[in-house]
Amino acid sequence: MLPCMNKQLFGVECPGCGTQRAISHLSKGEFQEAFIMYPAIYTLIPFFIVLALHFTNKSRNYNKAIIVLAILNGVVIIGSYLFKIFNQTN
């Protein structure tokens, strides 16, 4: 896995920390572990699917769906990041 440069330089995880490990867990069928590692993984999947459809299928307008999914992703990413920060056990 690639190291997080933010964590290496500043000692603090970034909001994207855990994405690679979550994808690895998903590829192994470990769905609960993927969610524990990075909860936003399950909102990112439909976002990227809709984004791909937006670029490949020009006959439909996916702008509203992209905006809604982007906001949802932002809320989940920031929420899980804050949860991780405030619930650290050192």
PDB file of N, CA and C in Angstrom:
ATOM      1  N   MET A   1       0.834  -1.182   0.000  1.00  0.00           N
ATOM      2  CA  MET A   1       0.000   0.000   0.000  1.00  0.00           C
ATOM      3  C   MET A   1       0.881   1.249   0.000  1.00  0.00           C
ATOM      4  N   LEU A   2       0.389   2.267  -0.669  1.00  0.00           N
ATOM      5  CA  LEU A   2       1.094   3.538  -0.681  1.00  0.00           C
ATOM      6  C   LEU A   2       0.915   4.237   0.666  1.00  0.00           C
ATOM      7  N   PRO A   3       1.969   4.835   1.195  1.00  0.00           N
ATOM      8  CA  PRO A   3       1.831   5.525   2.476  1.00  0.00           C
ATOM      9  C   PRO A   3       1.125   6.873   2.307  1.00  0.00           C
ATOM     10  N   CYS A   4       0.491   7.324   3.365  1.00  0.00           N
ATOM     11  CA  CYS A   4      -0.166   8.626   3.362  1.00  0.00           C
ATOM     12  C   CYS A   4       0.889   9.688   3.636  1.00  0.00           C
ATOM     13  N   MET A   5       1.087  10.576   2.673  1.00  0.00           N
ATOM     14  CA  MET A   5       2.100  11.621   2.827  1.00  0.00           C
ATOM     15  C   MET A   5       1.731  12.597   3.941  1.00  0.00           C
ATOM     16  N   ASN A   6       0.443  12.860   4.108  1.00  0.00           N
ATOM     17  CA  ASN A   6      -0.009  13.755   5.173  1.00  0.00           C
ATOM     18  C   ASN A   6       0.366  13.187   6.543  1.00  0.00           C
ATOM     19  N   LYS A   7       0.150  11.896   6.699  1.00  0.00           N
ATOM     20  CA  LYS A   7       0.464  11.254   7.977  1.00  0.00           C
ATOM     21  C   LYS A   7       1.980  11.200   8.199  1.00  0.00           C
ATOM     22  N   GLN A   8       2.737  10.962   7.139  1.00  0.00           N
ATOM     23  CA  GLN A   8       4.190  10.912   7.269  1.00  0.00           C
ATOM     24  C   GLN A   8       4.779  12.283   7.587  1.00  0.00           C
ATOM     25  N   LEU A   9       4.258  13.325   6.945  1.00  0.00           N
ATOM     26  CA  LEU A   9       4.814  14.665   7.137  1.00  0.00           C
ATOM     27  C   LEU A   9       4.316  15.345   8.409  1.00  0.00           C
ATOM     28  N   PHE A  10       3.028  15.200   8.707  1.00  0.00           N
ATOM     29  CA  PHE A  10       2.432  15.943   9.811  1.00  0.00           C
ATOM     30  C   PHE A  10       2.008  15.081  10.993  1.00  0.00           C
ATOM     31  N   GLY A  11       1.997  13.761  10.813  1.00  0.00           N
ATOM     32  CA  GLY A  11       1.601  12.858  11.893  1.00  0.00           C
ATOM     33  C   GLY A  11       0.101  12.752  12.097  1.00  0.00           C
ATOM     34  N   VAL A  12      -0.680  13.277  11.159  1.00  0.00           N
ATOM     35  CA  VAL A  12      -2.138  13.255  11.253  1.00  0.00           C
ATOM     36  C   VAL A  12      -2.689  12.606   9.990  1.00  0.00           C
ATOM     37  N   GLU A  13      -3.656  11.718  10.156  1.00  0.00           N
ATOM     38  CA  GLU A  13      -4.266  11.087   8.994  1.00  0.00           C
ATOM     39  C   GLU A  13      -5.074  12.101   8.195  1.00  0.00           C
ATOM     40  N   CYS A  14      -5.151  11.878   6.900  1.00  0.00           N
ATOM     41  CA  CYS A  14      -5.959  12.742   6.036  1.00  0.00           C
ATOM     42  C   CYS A  14      -7.371  12.147   5.928  1.00  0.00           C
ATOM     43  N   PRO A  15      -8.327  12.914   5.395  1.00  0.00           N
ATOM     44  CA  PRO A  15      -9.686  12.381   5.245  1.00  0.00           C
ATOM     45  C   PRO A  15      -9.783  11.174   4.309  1.00  0.00           C
ATOM     46  N   GLY A  16      -8.767  10.933   3.509  1.00  0.00           N
ATOM     47  CA  GLY A  16      -8.790   9.796   2.590  1.00  0.00           C
ATOM     48  C   GLY A  16      -8.063   8.571   3.109  1.00  0.00           C
ATOM     49  N   CYS A  17      -7.472   8.674   4.297  1.00  0.00           N
ATOM     50  CA  CYS A  17      -6.741   7.530   4.853  1.00  0.00           C
ATOM     51  C   CYS A  17      -7.681   6.339   5.046  1.00  0.00           C
ATOM     52  N   GLY A  18      -7.287   5.214   4.538  1.00  0.00           N
ATOM     53  CA  GLY A  18      -8.069   3.997   4.654  1.00  0.00           C
ATOM     54  C   GLY A  18      -8.713   3.574   3.351  1.00  0.00           C
ATOM     55  N   THR A  19      -8.676   4.436   2.341  1.00  0.00           N
ATOM     56  CA  THR A  19      -9.327   4.104   1.070  1.00  0.00           C
ATOM     57  C   THR A  19      -8.707   2.878   0.417  1.00  0.00           C
ATOM     58  N   GLN A  20      -7.379   2.832   0.350  1.00  0.00           N
ATOM     59  CA  GLN A  20      -6.719   1.692  -0.287  1.00  0.00           C
ATOM     60  C   GLN A  20      -7.027   0.394   0.454  1.00  0.00           C
ATOM     61  N   ARG A  21      -6.979   0.445   1.760  1.00  0.00           N
ATOM     62  CA  ARG A  21      -7.251  -0.758   2.549  1.00  0.00           C
ATOM     63  C   ARG A  21      -8.711  -1.169   2.419  1.00  0.00           C
ATOM     64  N   ALA A  22      -9.625  -0.189   2.344  1.00  0.00           N
ATOM     65  CA  ALA A  22     -11.041  -0.508   2.169  1.00  0.00           C
ATOM     66  C   ALA A  22     -11.282  -1.179   0.817  1.00  0.00           C
ATOM     67  N   ILE A  23     -10.629  -0.687  -0.233  1.00  0.00           N
ATOM     68  CA  ILE A  23     -10.752  -1.311  -1.552  1.00  0.00           C
ATOM     69  C   ILE A  23     -10.197  -2.733  -1.518  1.00  0.00           C
ATOM     70  N   SER A  24      -9.099  -2.919  -0.803  1.00  0.00           N
ATOM     71  CA  SER A  24      -8.521  -4.255  -0.661  1.00  0.00           C
ATOM     72  C   SER A  24      -9.489  -5.190   0.055  1.00  0.00           C
ATOM     73  N   HIS A  25     -10.121  -4.704   1.105  1.00  0.00           N
ATOM     74  CA  HIS A  25     -11.105  -5.527   1.823  1.00  0.00           C
ATOM     75  C   HIS A  25     -12.296  -5.859   0.926  1.00  0.00           C
ATOM     76  N   LEU A  26     -12.759  -4.872   0.148  1.00  0.00           N
ATOM     77  CA  LEU A  26     -13.873  -5.126  -0.769  1.00  0.00           C
ATOM     78  C   LEU A  26     -13.528  -6.189  -1.795  1.00  0.00           C
ATOM     79  N   SER A  27     -12.314  -6.136  -2.315  1.00  0.00           N
ATOM     80  CA  SER A  27     -11.906  -7.113  -3.329  1.00  0.00           C
ATOM     81  C   SER A  27     -11.842  -8.523  -2.761  1.00  0.00           C
ATOM     82  N   LYS A  28     -11.687  -8.637  -1.449  1.00  0.00           N
ATOM     83  CA  LYS A  28     -11.659  -9.946  -0.789  1.00  0.00           C
ATOM     84  C   LYS A  28     -13.039 -10.363  -0.290  1.00  0.00           C
ATOM     85  N   GLY A  29     -14.036  -9.481  -0.459  1.00  0.00           N
ATOM     86  CA  GLY A  29     -15.381  -9.781   0.014  1.00  0.00           C
ATOM     87  C   GLY A  29     -15.588  -9.484   1.481  1.00  0.00           C
ATOM     88  N   GLU A  30     -14.693  -8.737   2.075  1.00  0.00           N
ATOM     89  CA  GLU A  30     -14.790  -8.387   3.499  1.00  0.00           C
ATOM     90  C   GLU A  30     -15.481  -7.027   3.611  1.00  0.00           C
ATOM     91  N   PHE A  31     -16.810  -7.039   3.496  1.00  0.00           N
ATOM     92  CA  PHE A  31     -17.582  -5.810   3.388  1.00  0.00           C
ATOM     93  C   PHE A  31     -17.635  -5.025   4.696  1.00  0.00           C
ATOM     94  N   GLN A  32     -17.776  -5.709   5.814  1.00  0.00           N
ATOM     95  CA  GLN A  32     -17.821  -5.023   7.100  1.00  0.00           C
ATOM     96  C   GLN A  32     -16.473  -4.381   7.427  1.00  0.00           C
ATOM     97  N   GLU A  33     -15.390  -5.092   7.156  1.00  0.00           N
ATOM     98  CA  GLU A  33     -14.052  -4.552   7.400  1.00  0.00           C
ATOM     99  C   GLU A  33     -13.793  -3.324   6.530  1.00  0.00           C
ATOM    100  N   ALA A  34     -14.295  -3.363   5.288  1.00  0.00           N
ATOM    101  CA  ALA A  34     -14.137  -2.215   4.394  1.00  0.00           C
ATOM    102  C   ALA A  34     -14.856  -1.003   4.956  1.00  0.00           C
ATOM    103  N   PHE A  35     -16.052  -1.210   5.493  1.00  0.00           N
ATOM    104  CA  PHE A  35     -16.805  -0.104   6.082  1.00  0.00           C
ATOM    105  C   PHE A  35     -16.106   0.440   7.320  1.00  0.00           C
ATOM    106  N   ILE A  36     -15.591  -0.431   8.146  1.00  0.00           N
ATOM    107  CA  ILE A  36     -14.873   0.006   9.349  1.00  0.00           C
ATOM    108  C   ILE A  36     -13.624   0.791   8.968  1.00  0.00           C
ATOM    109  N   MET A  37     -12.937   0.354   7.948  1.00  0.00           N
ATOM    110  CA  MET A  37     -11.705   1.007   7.521  1.00  0.00           C
ATOM    111  C   MET A  37     -11.993   2.388   6.928  1.00  0.00           C
ATOM    112  N   TYR A  38     -13.016   2.480   6.071  1.00  0.00           N
ATOM    113  CA  TYR A  38     -13.319   3.747   5.399  1.00  0.00           C
ATOM    114  C   TYR A  38     -14.797   3.746   5.010  1.00  0.00           C
ATOM    115  N   PRO A  39     -15.671   4.304   5.855  1.00  0.00           N
ATOM    116  CA  PRO A  39     -17.119   4.249   5.596  1.00  0.00           C
ATOM    117  C   PRO A  39     -17.554   4.863   4.260  1.00  0.00           C
ATOM    118  N   ALA A  40     -16.827   5.841   3.775  1.00  0.00           N
ATOM    119  CA  ALA A  40     -17.221   6.514   2.531  1.00  0.00           C
ATOM    120  C   ALA A  40     -17.034   5.640   1.299  1.00  0.00           C
ATOM    121  N   ILE A  41     -16.443   4.479   1.447  1.00  0.00           N
ATOM    122  CA  ILE A  41     -16.219   3.610   0.295  1.00  0.00           C
ATOM    123  C   ILE A  41     -17.555   3.245  -0.369  1.00  0.00           C
ATOM    124  N   TYR A  42     -18.610   3.128   0.434  1.00  0.00           N
ATOM    125  CA  TYR A  42     -19.900   2.729  -0.111  1.00  0.00           C
ATOM    126  C   TYR A  42     -20.668   3.886  -0.737  1.00  0.00           C
ATOM    127  N   THR A  43     -20.280   5.112  -0.469  1.00  0.00           N
ATOM    128  CA  THR A  43     -20.887   6.237  -1.176  1.00  0.00           C
ATOM    129  C   THR A  43     -20.043   6.646  -2.376  1.00  0.00           C
ATOM    130  N   LEU A  44     -18.771   6.300  -2.351  1.00  0.00           N
ATOM    131  CA  LEU A  44     -17.903   6.612  -3.482  1.00  0.00           C
ATOM    132  C   LEU A  44     -18.198   5.732  -4.695  1.00  0.00           C
ATOM    133  N   ILE A  45     -18.581   4.497  -4.451  1.00  0.00           N
ATOM    134  CA  ILE A  45     -18.850   3.561  -5.558  1.00  0.00           C
ATOM    135  C   ILE A  45     -19.985   4.074  -6.448  1.00  0.00           C
ATOM    136  N   PRO A  46     -21.168   4.395  -5.900  1.00  0.00           N
ATOM    137  CA  PRO A  46     -22.219   4.922  -6.796  1.00  0.00           C
ATOM    138  C   PRO A  46     -21.838   6.265  -7.419  1.00  0.00           C
ATOM    139  N   PHE A  47     -21.071   7.090  -6.690  1.00  0.00           N
ATOM    140  CA  PHE A  47     -20.633   8.365  -7.245  1.00  0.00           C
ATOM    141  C   PHE A  47     -19.795   8.152  -8.499  1.00  0.00           C
ATOM    142  N   PHE A  48     -18.830   7.244  -8.440  1.00  0.00           N
ATOM    143  CA  PHE A  48     -17.980   7.004  -9.599  1.00  0.00           C
ATOM    144  C   PHE A  48     -18.735   6.303 -10.736  1.00  0.00           C
ATOM    145  N   ILE A  49     -19.713   5.484 -10.403  1.00  0.00           N
ATOM    146  CA  ILE A  49     -20.524   4.858 -11.446  1.00  0.00           C
ATOM    147  C   ILE A  49     -21.332   5.917 -12.197  1.00  0.00           C
ATOM    148  N   VAL A  50     -21.981   6.819 -11.449  1.00  0.00           N
ATOM    149  CA  VAL A  50     -22.766   7.888 -12.079  1.00  0.00           C
ATOM    150  C   VAL A  50     -21.853   8.829 -12.864  1.00  0.00           C
ATOM    151  N   LEU A  51     -20.676   9.101 -12.324  1.00  0.00           N
ATOM    152  CA  LEU A  51     -19.722   9.960 -13.026  1.00  0.00           C
ATOM    153  C   LEU A  51     -19.281   9.323 -14.350  1.00  0.00           C
ATOM    154  N   ALA A  52     -19.039   8.020 -14.325  1.00  0.00           N
ATOM    155  CA  ALA A  52     -18.674   7.317 -15.559  1.00  0.00           C
ATOM    156  C   ALA A  52     -19.824   7.337 -16.556  1.00  0.00           C
ATOM    157  N   LEU A  53     -21.045   7.160 -16.065  1.00  0.00           N
ATOM    158  CA  LEU A  53     -22.205   7.231 -16.955  1.00  0.00           C
ATOM    159  C   LEU A  53     -22.346   8.617 -17.558  1.00  0.00           C
ATOM    160  N   HIS A  54     -22.057   9.635 -16.782  1.00  0.00           N
ATOM    161  CA  HIS A  54     -22.133  11.019 -17.266  1.00  0.00           C
ATOM    162  C   HIS A  54     -21.194  11.241 -18.453  1.00  0.00           C
ATOM    163  N   PHE A  55     -20.014  10.650 -18.379  1.00  0.00           N
ATOM    164  CA  PHE A  55     -19.040  10.843 -19.459  1.00  0.00           C
ATOM    165  C   PHE A  55     -19.261   9.914 -20.647  1.00  0.00           C
ATOM    166  N   THR A  56     -19.910   8.774 -20.422  1.00  0.00           N
ATOM    167  CA  THR A  56     -20.095   7.824 -21.518  1.00  0.00           C
ATOM    168  C   THR A  56     -21.466   7.910 -22.179  1.00  0.00           C
ATOM    169  N   ASN A  57     -22.488   8.242 -21.411  1.00  0.00           N
ATOM    170  CA  ASN A  57     -23.856   8.290 -21.931  1.00  0.00           C
ATOM    171  C   ASN A  57     -24.301   9.749 -22.015  1.00  0.00           C
ATOM    172  N   LYS A  58     -24.097  10.369 -23.145  1.00  0.00           N
ATOM    173  CA  LYS A  58     -24.420  11.787 -23.318  1.00  0.00           C
ATOM    174  C   LYS A  58     -25.908  12.039 -23.540  1.00  0.00           C
ATOM    175  N   SER A  59     -26.700  10.990 -23.723  1.00  0.00           N
ATOM    176  CA  SER A  59     -28.125  11.182 -23.987  1.00  0.00           C
ATOM    177  C   SER A  59     -28.914  11.523 -22.728  1.00  0.00           C
ATOM    178  N   ARG A  60     -28.349  11.277 -21.547  1.00  0.00           N
ATOM    179  CA  ARG A  60     -29.031  11.589 -20.281  1.00  0.00           C
ATOM    180  C   ARG A  60     -28.242  12.630 -19.507  1.00  0.00           C
ATOM    181  N   ASN A  61     -28.952  13.362 -18.676  1.00  0.00           N
ATOM    182  CA  ASN A  61     -28.336  14.390 -17.857  1.00  0.00           C
ATOM    183  C   ASN A  61     -28.176  13.860 -16.430  1.00  0.00           C
ATOM    184  N   TYR A  62     -26.946  13.710 -15.976  1.00  0.00           N
ATOM    185  CA  TYR A  62     -26.649  13.175 -14.651  1.00  0.00           C
ATOM    186  C   TYR A  62     -26.186  14.257 -13.668  1.00  0.00           C
ATOM    187  N   ASN A  63     -26.352  15.531 -14.034  1.00  0.00           N
ATOM    188  CA  ASN A  63     -25.817  16.610 -13.204  1.00  0.00           C
ATOM    189  C   ASN A  63     -26.386  16.624 -11.794  1.00  0.00           C
ATOM    190  N   LYS A  64     -27.718  16.467 -11.651  1.00  0.00           N
ATOM    191  CA  LYS A  64     -28.325  16.473 -10.316  1.00  0.00           C
ATOM    192  C   LYS A  64     -27.822  15.304  -9.476  1.00  0.00           C
ATOM    193  N   ALA A  65     -27.743  14.146 -10.063  1.00  0.00           N
ATOM    194  CA  ALA A  65     -27.272  12.967  -9.338  1.00  0.00           C
ATOM    195  C   ALA A  65     -25.825  13.142  -8.894  1.00  0.00           C
ATOM    196  N   ILE A  66     -25.008  13.728  -9.748  1.00  0.00           N
ATOM    197  CA  ILE A  66     -23.605  13.956  -9.403  1.00  0.00           C
ATOM    198  C   ILE A  66     -23.496  14.927  -8.238  1.00  0.00           C
ATOM    199  N   ILE A  67     -24.289  15.990  -8.267  1.00  0.00           N
ATOM    200  CA  ILE A  67     -24.258  16.979  -7.185  1.00  0.00           C
ATOM    201  C   ILE A  67     -24.714  16.357  -5.871  1.00  0.00           C
ATOM    202  N   VAL A  68     -25.811  15.618  -5.904  1.00  0.00           N
ATOM    203  CA  VAL A  68     -26.328  14.982  -4.686  1.00  0.00           C
ATOM    204  C   VAL A  68     -25.318  13.986  -4.133  1.00  0.00           C
ATOM    205  N   LEU A  69     -24.754  13.153  -4.994  1.00  0.00           N
ATOM    206  CA  LEU A  69     -23.787  12.162  -4.535  1.00  0.00           C
ATOM    207  C   LEU A  69     -22.488  12.809  -4.055  1.00  0.00           C
ATOM    208  N   ALA A  70     -22.078  13.913  -4.662  1.00  0.00           N
ATOM    209  CA  ALA A  70     -20.881  14.619  -4.213  1.00  0.00           C
ATOM    210  C   ALA A  70     -21.099  15.202  -2.818  1.00  0.00           C
ATOM    211  N   ILE A  71     -22.267  15.794  -2.585  1.00  0.00           N
ATOM    212  CA  ILE A  71     -22.576  16.333  -1.256  1.00  0.00           C
ATOM    213  C   ILE A  71     -22.647  15.211  -0.232  1.00  0.00           C
ATOM    214  N   LEU A  72     -23.305  14.119  -0.594  1.00  0.00           N
ATOM    215  CA  LEU A  72     -23.392  12.966   0.307  1.00  0.00           C
ATOM    216  C   LEU A  72     -22.006  12.436   0.651  1.00  0.00           C
ATOM    217  N   ASN A  73     -21.142  12.321  -0.355  1.00  0.00           N
ATOM    218  CA  ASN A  73     -19.774  11.859  -0.125  1.00  0.00           C
ATOM    219  C   ASN A  73     -19.027  12.810   0.796  1.00  0.00           C
ATOM    220  N   GLY A  74     -19.165  14.099   0.561  1.00  0.00           N
ATOM    221  CA  GLY A  74     -18.495  15.080   1.409  1.00  0.00           C
ATOM    222  C   GLY A  74     -18.926  14.964   2.859  1.00  0.00           C
ATOM    223  N   VAL A  75     -20.225  14.807   3.079  1.00  0.00           N
ATOM    224  CA  VAL A  75     -20.750  14.673   4.443  1.00  0.00           C
ATOM    225  C   VAL A  75     -20.217  13.407   5.100  1.00  0.00           C
ATOM    226  N   VAL A  76     -20.243  12.300   4.385  1.00  0.00           N
ATOM    227  CA  VAL A  76     -19.766  11.029   4.953  1.00  0.00           C
ATOM    228  C   VAL A  76     -18.266  11.080   5.212  1.00  0.00           C
ATOM    229  N   ILE A  77     -17.494  11.625   4.287  1.00  0.00           N
ATOM    230  CA  ILE A  77     -16.042  11.694   4.461  1.00  0.00           C
ATOM    231  C   ILE A  77     -15.687  12.578   5.651  1.00  0.00           C
ATOM    232  N   ILE A  78     -16.282  13.766   5.713  1.00  0.00           N
ATOM    233  CA  ILE A  78     -15.978  14.674   6.824  1.00  0.00           C
ATOM    234  C   ILE A  78     -16.490  14.114   8.140  1.00  0.00           C
ATOM    235  N   GLY A  79     -17.676  13.545   8.122  1.00  0.00           N
ATOM    236  CA  GLY A  79     -18.226  12.949   9.348  1.00  0.00           C
ATOM    237  C   GLY A  79     -17.386  11.804   9.875  1.00  0.00           C
ATOM    238  N   SER A  80     -16.967  10.905   9.002  1.00  0.00           N
ATOM    239  CA  SER A  80     -16.158   9.768   9.457  1.00  0.00           C
ATOM    240  C   SER A  80     -14.761  10.221   9.877  1.00  0.00           C
ATOM    241  N   TYR A  81     -14.250  11.268   9.229  1.00  0.00           N
ATOM    242  CA  TYR A  81     -12.942  11.810   9.605  1.00  0.00           C
ATOM    243  C   TYR A  81     -13.004  12.425  10.998  1.00  0.00           C
ATOM    244  N   LEU A  82     -14.030  13.219  11.248  1.00  0.00           N
ATOM    245  CA  LEU A  82     -14.190  13.812  12.578  1.00  0.00           C
ATOM    246  C   LEU A  82     -14.413  12.745  13.642  1.00  0.00           C
ATOM    247  N   PHE A  83     -15.201  11.725  13.306  1.00  0.00           N
ATOM    248  CA  PHE A  83     -15.422  10.622  14.243  1.00  0.00           C
ATOM    249  C   PHE A  83     -14.098   9.935  14.577  1.00  0.00           C
ATOM    250  N   LYS A  84     -13.279   9.716  13.549  1.00  0.00           N
ATOM    251  CA  LYS A  84     -11.990   9.045  13.748  1.00  0.00           C
ATOM    252  C   LYS A  84     -11.069   9.900  14.621  1.00  0.00           C
ATOM    253  N   ILE A  85     -11.062  11.210  14.384  1.00  0.00           N
ATOM    254  CA  ILE A  85     -10.192  12.102  15.137  1.00  0.00           C
ATOM    255  C   ILE A  85     -10.597  12.163  16.615  1.00  0.00           C
ATOM    256  N   PHE A  86     -11.893  12.326  16.864  1.00  0.00           N
ATOM    257  CA  PHE A  86     -12.357  12.519  18.233  1.00  0.00           C
ATOM    258  C   PHE A  86     -12.508  11.223  19.017  1.00  0.00           C
ATOM    259  N   ASN A  87     -12.405  10.086  18.360  1.00  0.00           N
ATOM    260  CA  ASN A  87     -12.523   8.798  19.054  1.00  0.00           C
ATOM    261  C   ASN A  87     -11.242   7.980  18.993  1.00  0.00           C
ATOM    262  N   GLN A  88     -10.115   8.652  18.849  1.00  0.00           N
ATOM    263  CA  GLN A  88      -8.830   7.939  18.839  1.00  0.00           C
ATOM    264  C   GLN A  88      -8.496   7.476  20.237  1.00  0.00           C
ATOM    265  N   THR A  89      -7.962   6.282  20.298  1.00  0.00           N
ATOM    266  CA  THR A  89      -7.463   5.772  21.575  1.00  0.00           C
ATOM    267  C   THR A  89      -5.949   5.673  21.465  1.00  0.00           C
ATOM    268  N   ASN A  90      -5.281   6.502  22.189  1.00  0.00           N
ATOM    269  CA  ASN A  90      -3.807   6.525  22.134  1.00  0.00           C
ATOM    270  C   ASN A  90      -3.223   5.725  23.261  1.00  0.00           C
TER     271      ASN A  90
END
